[in-house]
Amino acid sequence: MAELDFSTANGKALALRKGIVADVKTADMANGEGVRTTIFVSGCLFRCANCFNQKLQNFSYGFSNAESVKKGEHVEGKFPRYYDDTLEDEIIESLKPSYIAGLTLLGGEPFMNTNITVQLAERVRKGFGDTKTIWSWTGYEWEELQEMLTTDFPLAKQQAKLLSLIDVLVDGRYVDSIRQQDLKDNPDGIHFRGSSNQRIIDVQKSLSTGKIVELNYLYENEKIVPRDRDFKKM
């Protein structure tokens, strides 16, 4: 897979994103610690080979005629749909039970669809403070995000805001060749990562210390891939 240039990613994502939510799952136990509400946004430019949500790489996933949807003529099902105040209220309501640990952002690419994810994360923090955790997956590596945050790209400013709001980030491209080896090394699978080159990062500790702090206890006995390869180009 070719490396995705920062400026290209920023410009294209801003131009292509449409504010579409592909799905929302409540009482989800697969995407983060505890029972969670998970939102899947539409659109990703990384195009990782054999991505588990390949159809969500399309920023227009599910809608052949966006104008008809805006007019309320889309009646094929609850999702996909445009993100709006009604949907946001539904997500917030789903987080209220005490047994719900928090919100998970998936896709697609949450850090390219910050027109949805920042607003929602802000609403969660306003309503629940730190009593609910926010997890996010991203195809960006932590180092890429940090480099991008030093630029004046419009999307970078939104990405900085999103990082300030979330607790846990699973970073990096999905690499199918590594996944195939993971299945051999760990027949029961790996926890919370598509391929083991990805890291599970404590965001707030990493931001405060200036170095990556991983939640190593979540890896259990899983193999940790050495960081001596450029996963951006795989």
C-alpha atoms as a PDB file:
ATOM      1  CA  MET A   1       0.000   0.000   0.000  1.00  0.00           C
ATOM      2  CA  ALA A   2       1.381   3.395  -0.948  1.00  0.00           C
ATOM      3  CA  GLU A   3       1.998   5.995   1.735  1.00  0.00           C
ATOM      4  CA  LEU A   4      -0.809   8.545   2.072  1.00  0.00           C
ATOM      5  CA  ASP A   5       0.554  12.076   2.055  1.00  0.00           C
ATOM      6  CA  PHE A   6      -0.719  14.319   4.864  1.00  0.00           C
ATOM      7  CA  SER A   7      -1.832  17.182   2.632  1.00  0.00           C
ATOM      8  CA  THR A   8      -3.525  14.775   0.237  1.00  0.00           C
ATOM      9  CA  ALA A   9      -5.373  13.093   3.093  1.00  0.00           C
ATOM     10  CA  ASN A  10      -6.509  16.402   4.550  1.00  0.00           C
ATOM     11  CA  GLY A  11      -7.688  17.909   1.295  1.00  0.00           C
ATOM     12  CA  LYS A  12      -9.433  14.813  -0.013  1.00  0.00           C
ATOM     13  CA  ALA A  13     -11.122  13.936   3.259  1.00  0.00           C
ATOM     14  CA  LEU A  14     -12.518  17.436   3.683  1.00  0.00           C
ATOM     15  CA  ALA A  15     -13.826  17.385   0.123  1.00  0.00           C
ATOM     16  CA  LEU A  16     -15.264  13.866   0.192  1.00  0.00           C
ATOM     17  CA  ARG A  17     -16.784  13.445   3.633  1.00  0.00           C
ATOM     18  CA  LYS A  18     -20.533  13.787   3.817  1.00  0.00           C
ATOM     19  CA  GLY A  19     -21.373  13.240   7.461  1.00  0.00           C
ATOM     20  CA  ILE A  20     -22.785   9.752   6.961  1.00  0.00           C
ATOM     21  CA  VAL A  21     -23.077   7.212   9.766  1.00  0.00           C
ATOM     22  CA  ALA A  22     -22.984   3.664   8.425  1.00  0.00           C
ATOM     23  CA  ASP A  23     -24.169   1.987  11.612  1.00  0.00           C
ATOM     24  CA  VAL A  24     -24.526   2.271  15.365  1.00  0.00           C
ATOM     25  CA  LYS A  25     -24.286  -0.757  17.642  1.00  0.00           C
ATOM     26  CA  THR A  26     -25.455  -0.610  21.231  1.00  0.00           C
ATOM     27  CA  ALA A  27     -24.455  -3.112  23.915  1.00  0.00           C
ATOM     28  CA  ASP A  28     -21.305  -3.850  21.871  1.00  0.00           C
ATOM     29  CA  MET A  29     -18.686  -5.956  23.660  1.00  0.00           C
ATOM     30  CA  ALA A  30     -16.217  -6.431  20.778  1.00  0.00           C
ATOM     31  CA  ASN A  31     -14.777  -2.953  20.313  1.00  0.00           C
ATOM     32  CA  GLY A  32     -13.171  -1.817  23.531  1.00  0.00           C
ATOM     33  CA  GLU A  33     -13.327  -2.684  27.201  1.00  0.00           C
ATOM     34  CA  GLY A  34     -16.740  -3.292  28.711  1.00  0.00           C
ATOM     35  CA  VAL A  35     -20.152  -2.881  27.138  1.00  0.00           C
ATOM     36  CA  ARG A  36     -20.170   0.031  24.718  1.00  0.00           C
ATOM     37  CA  THR A  37     -22.016   2.008  22.087  1.00  0.00           C
ATOM     38  CA  THR A  38     -20.095   1.908  18.803  1.00  0.00           C
ATOM     39  CA  ILE A  39     -20.569   4.290  15.887  1.00  0.00           C
ATOM     40  CA  PHE A  40     -19.293   3.467  12.392  1.00  0.00           C
ATOM     41  CA  VAL A  41     -18.630   6.468  10.132  1.00  0.00           C
ATOM     42  CA  SER A  42     -18.475   6.220   6.325  1.00  0.00           C
ATOM     43  CA  GLY A  43     -15.287   7.055   4.457  1.00  0.00           C
ATOM     44  CA  CYS A  44     -11.585   6.191   4.597  1.00  0.00           C
ATOM     45  CA  LEU A  45      -8.691   6.939   2.249  1.00  0.00           C
ATOM     46  CA  PHE A  46      -6.223   4.369   3.565  1.00  0.00           C
ATOM     47  CA  ARG A  47      -7.799   1.538   1.563  1.00  0.00           C
ATOM     48  CA  CYS A  48      -6.049  -1.230   3.518  1.00  0.00           C
ATOM     49  CA  ALA A  49      -6.108  -4.535   1.642  1.00  0.00           C
ATOM     50  CA  ASN A  50      -8.803  -6.907   2.943  1.00  0.00           C
ATOM     51  CA  CYS A  51     -10.105  -4.288   5.368  1.00  0.00           C
ATOM     52  CA  PHE A  52     -12.810  -5.845   7.547  1.00  0.00           C
ATOM     53  CA  ASN A  53     -15.147  -2.963   6.688  1.00  0.00           C
ATOM     54  CA  GLN A  54     -14.139  -2.434   3.079  1.00  0.00           C
ATOM     55  CA  LYS A  55     -17.522  -1.054   2.019  1.00  0.00           C
ATOM     56  CA  LEU A  56     -17.125   1.736   4.563  1.00  0.00           C
ATOM     57  CA  GLN A  57     -14.099   3.079   2.706  1.00  0.00           C
ATOM     58  CA  ASN A  58     -16.670   4.846   0.522  1.00  0.00           C
ATOM     59  CA  PHE A  59     -17.601   8.259   1.918  1.00  0.00           C
ATOM     60  CA  SER A  60     -21.019   7.872   0.267  1.00  0.00           C
ATOM     61  CA  TYR A  61     -21.602   4.304   1.462  1.00  0.00           C
ATOM     62  CA  GLY A  62     -25.239   3.324   1.268  1.00  0.00           C
ATOM     63  CA  PHE A  63     -26.539   6.333  -0.589  1.00  0.00           C
ATOM     64  CA  SER A  64     -26.794   6.322  -4.379  1.00  0.00           C
ATOM     65  CA  ASN A  65     -28.578   9.658  -4.356  1.00  0.00           C
ATOM     66  CA  ALA A  66     -27.607  11.892  -1.453  1.00  0.00           C
ATOM     67  CA  GLU A  67     -30.185  14.523  -2.354  1.00  0.00           C
ATOM     68  CA  SER A  68     -33.038  12.051  -1.990  1.00  0.00           C
ATOM     69  CA  VAL A  69     -31.804  11.218   1.492  1.00  0.00           C
ATOM     70  CA  LYS A  70     -31.723  14.864   2.478  1.00  0.00           C
ATOM     71  CA  LYS A  71     -35.369  15.073   1.436  1.00  0.00           C
ATOM     72  CA  GLY A  72     -36.262  12.158   3.658  1.00  0.00           C
ATOM     73  CA  GLU A  73     -36.897   9.758   0.789  1.00  0.00           C
ATOM     74  CA  HIS A  74     -34.455   7.083   1.949  1.00  0.00           C
ATOM     75  CA  VAL A  75     -36.594   4.378   3.532  1.00  0.00           C
ATOM     76  CA  GLU A  76     -34.491   1.227   3.142  1.00  0.00           C
ATOM     77  CA  GLY A  77     -33.530   1.053   6.815  1.00  0.00           C
ATOM     78  CA  LYS A  78     -32.351   3.010   9.819  1.00  0.00           C
ATOM     79  CA  PHE A  79     -28.733   3.047   8.618  1.00  0.00           C
ATOM     80  CA  PRO A  80     -26.814   4.416   6.838  1.00  0.00           C
ATOM     81  CA  ARG A  81     -28.064   7.909   7.622  1.00  0.00           C
ATOM     82  CA  TYR A  82     -26.777  11.415   7.939  1.00  0.00           C
ATOM     83  CA  TYR A  83     -25.507  12.444  11.352  1.00  0.00           C
ATOM     84  CA  ASP A  84     -27.888  14.920  12.938  1.00  0.00           C
ATOM     85  CA  ASP A  85     -29.154  16.075  16.330  1.00  0.00           C
ATOM     86  CA  THR A  86     -31.727  13.286  16.468  1.00  0.00           C
ATOM     87  CA  LEU A  87     -29.137  10.575  15.958  1.00  0.00           C
ATOM     88  CA  GLU A  88     -26.778  12.265  18.403  1.00  0.00           C
ATOM     89  CA  ASP A  89     -29.525  12.288  21.034  1.00  0.00           C
ATOM     90  CA  GLU A  90     -30.144   8.572  20.429  1.00  0.00           C
ATOM     91  CA  ILE A  91     -26.460   7.777  20.916  1.00  0.00           C
ATOM     92  CA  ILE A  92     -26.280   9.831  24.117  1.00  0.00           C
ATOM     93  CA  GLU A  93     -29.399   8.106  25.432  1.00  0.00           C
ATOM     94  CA  SER A  94     -27.827   4.693  24.765  1.00  0.00           C
ATOM     95  CA  LEU A  95     -24.843   5.660  26.934  1.00  0.00           C
ATOM     96  CA  LYS A  96     -26.895   6.509  30.037  1.00  0.00           C
ATOM     97  CA  PRO A  97     -27.196   3.043  31.659  1.00  0.00           C
ATOM     98  CA  SER A  98     -24.528   2.516  34.309  1.00  0.00           C
ATOM     99  CA  TYR A  99     -23.392  -0.736  32.692  1.00  0.00           C
ATOM    100  CA  ILE A 100     -22.375   1.050  29.476  1.00  0.00           C
ATOM    101  CA  ALA A 101     -18.647   1.755  29.763  1.00  0.00           C
ATOM    102  CA  GLY A 102     -18.467   4.293  26.977  1.00  0.00           C
ATOM    103  CA  LEU A 103     -18.357   5.204  23.296  1.00  0.00           C
ATOM    104  CA  THR A 104     -16.279   3.664  20.501  1.00  0.00           C
ATOM    105  CA  LEU A 105     -15.507   5.428  17.199  1.00  0.00           C
ATOM    106  CA  LEU A 106     -14.962   3.181  14.183  1.00  0.00           C
ATOM    107  CA  GLY A 107     -15.389   3.297  10.448  1.00  0.00           C
ATOM    108  CA  GLY A 108     -14.347   4.098   7.936  1.00  0.00           C
ATOM    109  CA  GLU A 109     -11.863   6.507   9.466  1.00  0.00           C
ATOM    110  CA  PRO A 110     -12.902   8.513  12.569  1.00  0.00           C
ATOM    111  CA  PHE A 111      -9.983  10.918  12.127  1.00  0.00           C
ATOM    112  CA  MET A 112     -11.126  11.826   8.603  1.00  0.00           C
ATOM    113  CA  ASN A 113     -14.760  12.208   9.665  1.00  0.00           C
ATOM    114  CA  THR A 114     -14.121  14.683  12.454  1.00  0.00           C
ATOM    115  CA  ASN A 115     -17.213  16.633  11.403  1.00  0.00           C
ATOM    116  CA  ILE A 116     -19.066  13.802  13.181  1.00  0.00           C
ATOM    117  CA  THR A 117     -16.639  12.427  15.738  1.00  0.00           C
ATOM    118  CA  VAL A 118     -15.524  15.683  17.369  1.00  0.00           C
ATOM    119  CA  GLN A 119     -19.080  16.900  17.921  1.00  0.00           C
ATOM    120  CA  LEU A 120     -20.154  13.571  19.362  1.00  0.00           C
ATOM    121  CA  ALA A 121     -17.105  13.237  21.630  1.00  0.00           C
ATOM    122  CA  GLU A 122     -17.656  16.770  22.919  1.00  0.00           C
ATOM    123  CA  ARG A 123     -21.277  15.919  23.708  1.00  0.00           C
ATOM    124  CA  VAL A 124     -20.203  12.787  25.601  1.00  0.00           C
ATOM    125  CA  ARG A 125     -17.692  14.743  27.689  1.00  0.00           C
ATOM    126  CA  LYS A 126     -20.252  17.464  28.395  1.00  0.00           C
ATOM    127  CA  GLY A 127     -22.896  14.948  29.455  1.00  0.00           C
ATOM    128  CA  PHE A 128     -20.819  12.334  31.239  1.00  0.00           C
ATOM    129  CA  GLY A 129     -17.463  13.891  32.066  1.00  0.00           C
ATOM    130  CA  ASP A 130     -14.891  11.175  32.596  1.00  0.00           C
ATOM    131  CA  THR A 131     -17.407   8.549  33.741  1.00  0.00           C
ATOM    132  CA  LYS A 132     -17.557   7.112  30.208  1.00  0.00           C
ATOM    133  CA  THR A 133     -14.453   6.207  28.222  1.00  0.00           C
ATOM    134  CA  ILE A 134     -14.037   7.058  24.547  1.00  0.00           C
ATOM    135  CA  TRP A 135     -12.113   4.624  22.332  1.00  0.00           C
ATOM    136  CA  SER A 136     -11.211   5.242  18.699  1.00  0.00           C
ATOM    137  CA  TRP A 137      -9.556   3.270  15.929  1.00  0.00           C
ATOM    138  CA  THR A 138      -7.510   4.997  13.247  1.00  0.00           C
ATOM    139  CA  GLY A 139      -5.390   4.077  10.233  1.00  0.00           C
ATOM    140  CA  TYR A 140      -3.009   6.893  11.128  1.00  0.00           C
ATOM    141  CA  GLU A 141       0.012   5.977  13.202  1.00  0.00           C
ATOM    142  CA  TRP A 142       0.472   8.021  16.367  1.00  0.00           C
ATOM    143  CA  GLU A 143       3.628   9.581  14.949  1.00  0.00           C
ATOM    144  CA  GLU A 144       1.769  10.664  11.813  1.00  0.00           C
ATOM    145  CA  LEU A 145      -0.922  12.356  13.850  1.00  0.00           C
ATOM    146  CA  GLN A 146       1.658  14.172  15.961  1.00  0.00           C
ATOM    147  CA  GLU A 147       3.453  15.388  12.836  1.00  0.00           C
ATOM    148  CA  MET A 148       0.182  16.459  11.252  1.00  0.00           C
ATOM    149  CA  LEU A 149      -0.809  18.403  14.360  1.00  0.00           C
ATOM    150  CA  THR A 150       2.177  20.714  13.795  1.00  0.00           C
ATOM    151  CA  THR A 151       0.678  21.876  10.483  1.00  0.00           C
ATOM    152  CA  ASP A 152      -2.014  24.430   9.713  1.00  0.00           C
ATOM    153  CA  PHE A 153      -4.177  21.954   7.782  1.00  0.00           C
ATOM    154  CA  PRO A 154      -7.849  22.483   8.694  1.00  0.00           C
ATOM    155  CA  LEU A 155      -8.377  18.795   9.338  1.00  0.00           C
ATOM    156  CA  ALA A 156      -5.342  18.666  11.637  1.00  0.00           C
ATOM    157  CA  LYS A 157      -6.941  21.158  14.018  1.00  0.00           C
ATOM    158  CA  GLN A 158     -10.024  18.967  14.270  1.00  0.00           C
ATOM    159  CA  GLN A 159      -7.863  15.888  14.778  1.00  0.00           C
ATOM    160  CA  ALA A 160      -6.053  17.619  17.631  1.00  0.00           C
ATOM    161  CA  LYS A 161      -9.399  18.330  19.253  1.00  0.00           C
ATOM    162  CA  LEU A 162     -10.503  14.719  18.865  1.00  0.00           C
ATOM    163  CA  LEU A 163      -7.287  13.445  20.460  1.00  0.00           C
ATOM    164  CA  SER A 164      -7.856  15.743  23.425  1.00  0.00           C
ATOM    165  CA  LEU A 165     -11.256  14.129  24.009  1.00  0.00           C
ATOM    166  CA  ILE A 166     -10.537  10.405  23.729  1.00  0.00           C
ATOM    167  CA  ASP A 167      -9.023   7.943  26.186  1.00  0.00           C
ATOM    168  CA  VAL A 168      -7.783   5.058  24.043  1.00  0.00           C
ATOM    169  CA  LEU A 169      -6.508   4.993  20.466  1.00  0.00           C
ATOM    170  CA  VAL A 170      -5.827   1.850  18.426  1.00  0.00           C
ATOM    171  CA  ASP A 171      -3.458   3.195  15.799  1.00  0.00           C
ATOM    172  CA  GLY A 172      -2.018   2.147  12.459  1.00  0.00           C
ATOM    173  CA  ARG A 173      -2.939   0.574   9.144  1.00  0.00           C
ATOM    174  CA  TYR A 174      -4.428  -2.879   9.005  1.00  0.00           C
ATOM    175  CA  VAL A 175      -1.733  -5.114   7.417  1.00  0.00           C
ATOM    176  CA  ASP A 176      -3.235  -8.335   6.096  1.00  0.00           C
ATOM    177  CA  SER A 177       0.087 -10.227   5.859  1.00  0.00           C
ATOM    178  CA  ILE A 178       0.720  -9.580   9.551  1.00  0.00           C
ATOM    179  CA  ARG A 179      -2.850 -10.623  10.351  1.00  0.00           C
ATOM    180  CA  GLN A 180      -2.295 -13.964   8.654  1.00  0.00           C
ATOM    181  CA  GLN A 181       0.765 -14.539  10.848  1.00  0.00           C
ATOM    182  CA  ASP A 182      -1.218 -13.426  13.886  1.00  0.00           C
ATOM    183  CA  LEU A 183      -3.742 -16.162  13.183  1.00  0.00           C
ATOM    184  CA  LYS A 184      -0.931 -18.732  13.164  1.00  0.00           C
ATOM    185  CA  ASP A 185       0.687 -17.389  16.343  1.00  0.00           C
ATOM    186  CA  ASN A 186      -2.600 -16.781  18.161  1.00  0.00           C
ATOM    187  CA  PRO A 187      -5.325 -19.106  16.814  1.00  0.00           C
ATOM    188  CA  ASP A 188      -7.850 -17.540  19.177  1.00  0.00           C
ATOM    189  CA  GLY A 189      -7.173 -14.105  17.736  1.00  0.00           C
ATOM    190  CA  ILE A 190      -5.733 -10.877  19.119  1.00  0.00           C
ATOM    191  CA  HIS A 191      -7.608  -8.458  21.344  1.00  0.00           C
ATOM    192  CA  PHE A 192      -8.951  -5.218  19.871  1.00  0.00           C
ATOM    193  CA  ARG A 193      -6.439  -5.057  16.981  1.00  0.00           C
ATOM    194  CA  GLY A 194      -6.950  -5.960  13.358  1.00  0.00           C
ATOM    195  CA  SER A 195      -3.247  -6.828  12.970  1.00  0.00           C
ATOM    196  CA  SER A 196      -0.619  -6.827  15.685  1.00  0.00           C
ATOM    197  CA  ASN A 197       1.412  -3.948  14.234  1.00  0.00           C
ATOM    198  CA  GLN A 198      -1.320  -1.746  15.702  1.00  0.00           C
ATOM    199  CA  ARG A 199      -0.899  -0.339  19.204  1.00  0.00           C
ATOM    200  CA  ILE A 200      -3.427   0.272  21.974  1.00  0.00           C
ATOM    201  CA  ILE A 201      -2.462   3.695  23.290  1.00  0.00           C
ATOM    202  CA  ASP A 202      -3.382   5.566  26.453  1.00  0.00           C
ATOM    203  CA  VAL A 203      -4.014   8.892  24.756  1.00  0.00           C
ATOM    204  CA  GLN A 204      -4.016  11.290  27.679  1.00  0.00           C
ATOM    205  CA  LYS A 205      -0.854   9.849  29.283  1.00  0.00           C
ATOM    206  CA  SER A 206       0.859   9.898  25.883  1.00  0.00           C
ATOM    207  CA  LEU A 207      -0.081  13.526  25.293  1.00  0.00           C
ATOM    208  CA  SER A 208       1.038  14.576  28.767  1.00  0.00           C
ATOM    209  CA  THR A 209       4.379  12.731  28.691  1.00  0.00           C
ATOM    210  CA  GLY A 210       5.202  13.350  25.043  1.00  0.00           C
ATOM    211  CA  LYS A 211       5.867   9.657  24.417  1.00  0.00           C
ATOM    212  CA  ILE A 212       3.665   6.704  23.521  1.00  0.00           C
ATOM    213  CA  VAL A 213       2.193   4.932  26.533  1.00  0.00           C
ATOM    214  CA  GLU A 214       0.655   1.615  25.543  1.00  0.00           C
ATOM    215  CA  LEU A 215      -1.954  -0.307  27.511  1.00  0.00           C
ATOM    216  CA  ASN A 216       0.207  -3.415  27.571  1.00  0.00           C
ATOM    217  CA  TYR A 217      -2.108  -5.391  29.841  1.00  0.00           C
ATOM    218  CA  LEU A 218      -4.600  -5.586  26.982  1.00  0.00           C
ATOM    219  CA  TYR A 219      -2.128  -7.534  24.836  1.00  0.00           C
ATOM    220  CA  GLU A 220      -2.020 -10.394  27.369  1.00  0.00           C
ATOM    221  CA  ASN A 221       0.264 -13.030  25.775  1.00  0.00           C
ATOM    222  CA  GLU A 222      -0.019 -11.728  22.240  1.00  0.00           C
ATOM    223  CA  LYS A 223       2.999 -11.185  20.051  1.00  0.00           C
ATOM    224  CA  ILE A 224       4.177  -7.574  19.757  1.00  0.00           C
ATOM    225  CA  VAL A 225       5.473  -6.753  16.282  1.00  0.00           C
ATOM    226  CA  PRO A 226       8.891  -4.971  16.304  1.00  0.00           C
ATOM    227  CA  ARG A 227       8.630  -1.376  15.091  1.00  0.00           C
ATOM    228  CA  ASP A 228      11.462  -1.804  12.565  1.00  0.00           C
ATOM    229  CA  ARG A 229       9.261  -1.772   9.462  1.00  0.00           C
ATOM    230  CA  ASP A 230       7.406   1.029   7.717  1.00  0.00           C
ATOM    231  CA  PHE A 231       3.813  -0.131   8.024  1.00  0.00           C
ATOM    232  CA  LYS A 232       2.619   2.944   6.113  1.00  0.00           C
ATOM    233  CA  LYS A 233       3.950   1.466   2.877  1.00  0.00           C
ATOM    234  CA  MET A 234       2.692  -2.087   3.273  1.00  0.00           C
END
